[in-house]
C-alpha atoms as a PDB file:
ATOM      1  CA  UNK A   1    -183.583 -24.600  30.613  1.00  0.00           C
ATOM      2  CA  UNK A   2    -181.259 -26.999  28.808  1.00  0.00           C
ATOM      3  CA  UNK A   3    -180.293 -30.294  30.377  1.00  0.00           C
ATOM      4  CA  UNK A   4    -176.671 -30.616  31.433  1.00  0.00           C
ATOM      5  CA  UNK A   5    -174.515 -32.826  29.254  1.00  0.00           C
ATOM      6  CA  UNK A   6    -173.574 -36.193  30.661  1.00  0.00           C
ATOM      7  CA  UNK A   7    -169.852 -37.022  30.745  1.00  0.00           C
ATOM      8  CA  UNK A   8    -168.701 -39.641  28.249  1.00  0.00           C
ATOM      9  CA  UNK A   9    -166.107 -42.342  28.770  1.00  0.00           C
ATOM     10  CA  UNK A  10    -163.413 -42.457  26.107  1.00  0.00           C
ATOM     11  CA  UNK A  11    -160.928 -45.190  25.352  1.00  0.00           C
ATOM     12  CA  UNK A  12    -158.252 -44.683  22.719  1.00  0.00           C
ATOM     13  CA  UNK A  13    -156.659 -47.812  21.297  1.00  0.00           C
ATOM     14  CA  UNK A  14    -153.193 -47.855  19.807  1.00  0.00           C
ATOM     15  CA  UNK A  15    -149.836 -46.355  20.427  1.00  0.00           C
ATOM     16  CA  UNK A  16    -149.366 -42.818  21.575  1.00  0.00           C
ATOM     17  CA  UNK A  17    -146.130 -40.986  21.978  1.00  0.00           C
ATOM     18  CA  UNK A  18    -144.130 -37.859  21.568  1.00  0.00           C
ATOM     19  CA  UNK A  19    -141.466 -36.841  19.067  1.00  0.00           C
ATOM     20  CA  UNK A  20    -138.339 -35.080  20.321  1.00  0.00           C
ATOM     21  CA  UNK A  21    -136.386 -32.884  17.916  1.00  0.00           C
ATOM     22  CA  UNK A  22    -133.041 -31.311  18.847  1.00  0.00           C
ATOM     23  CA  UNK A  23    -133.161 -27.508  18.666  1.00  0.00           C
ATOM     24  CA  UNK A  24    -129.485 -27.141  17.693  1.00  0.00           C
ATOM     25  CA  UNK A  25    -128.992 -29.169  14.494  1.00  0.00           C
ATOM     26  CA  UNK A  26    -125.200 -28.595  14.375  1.00  0.00           C
ATOM     27  CA  UNK A  27    -124.613 -30.153  17.819  1.00  0.00           C
ATOM     28  CA  UNK A  28    -124.132 -33.937  18.124  1.00  0.00           C
ATOM     29  CA  UNK A  29    -127.134 -35.666  19.666  1.00  0.00           C
ATOM     30  CA  UNK A  30    -125.063 -36.840  22.632  1.00  0.00           C
ATOM     31  CA  UNK A  31    -124.345 -33.185  23.526  1.00  0.00           C
ATOM     32  CA  UNK A  32    -127.795 -31.753  22.817  1.00  0.00           C
ATOM     33  CA  UNK A  33    -129.488 -30.221  25.842  1.00  0.00           C
ATOM     34  CA  UNK A  34    -132.663 -28.697  24.378  1.00  0.00           C
ATOM     35  CA  UNK A  35    -135.398 -30.420  22.403  1.00  0.00           C
ATOM     36  CA  UNK A  36    -138.735 -29.479  20.868  1.00  0.00           C
ATOM     37  CA  UNK A  37    -141.588 -31.787  21.857  1.00  0.00           C
ATOM     38  CA  UNK A  38    -144.458 -32.621  19.488  1.00  0.00           C
ATOM     39  CA  UNK A  39    -147.396 -35.013  19.564  1.00  0.00           C
ATOM     40  CA  UNK A  40    -146.307 -38.328  18.173  1.00  0.00           C
ATOM     41  CA  UNK A  41    -149.197 -39.475  15.989  1.00  0.00           C
ATOM     42  CA  UNK A  42    -152.830 -39.128  15.009  1.00  0.00           C
ATOM     43  CA  UNK A  43    -154.196 -41.041  18.019  1.00  0.00           C
ATOM     44  CA  UNK A  44    -152.330 -38.735  20.380  1.00  0.00           C
ATOM     45  CA  UNK A  45    -153.642 -35.676  18.521  1.00  0.00           C
ATOM     46  CA  UNK A  46    -157.199 -36.986  18.677  1.00  0.00           C
ATOM     47  CA  UNK A  47    -156.917 -37.677  22.397  1.00  0.00           C
ATOM     48  CA  UNK A  48    -155.430 -34.241  23.118  1.00  0.00           C
ATOM     49  CA  UNK A  49    -158.139 -32.579  21.041  1.00  0.00           C
ATOM     50  CA  UNK A  50    -160.919 -34.428  22.837  1.00  0.00           C
ATOM     51  CA  UNK A  51    -159.454 -33.582  26.223  1.00  0.00           C
ATOM     52  CA  UNK A  52    -159.130 -29.918  25.263  1.00  0.00           C
ATOM     53  CA  UNK A  53    -162.745 -29.761  24.098  1.00  0.00           C
ATOM     54  CA  UNK A  54    -163.967 -30.928  27.484  1.00  0.00           C
END
């Protein structure tokens, strides 16, 4: 019987964020109502990947 894995603490250092892109490129930004959201940078991607892997 295998031993259960112990949970690990994780600290990510640095900025994290999201990028917002307007979905209608021909509409002025002040009138845009819908945006696509993407991970902002490598640290965010690493954190999301680690969280997803459990």
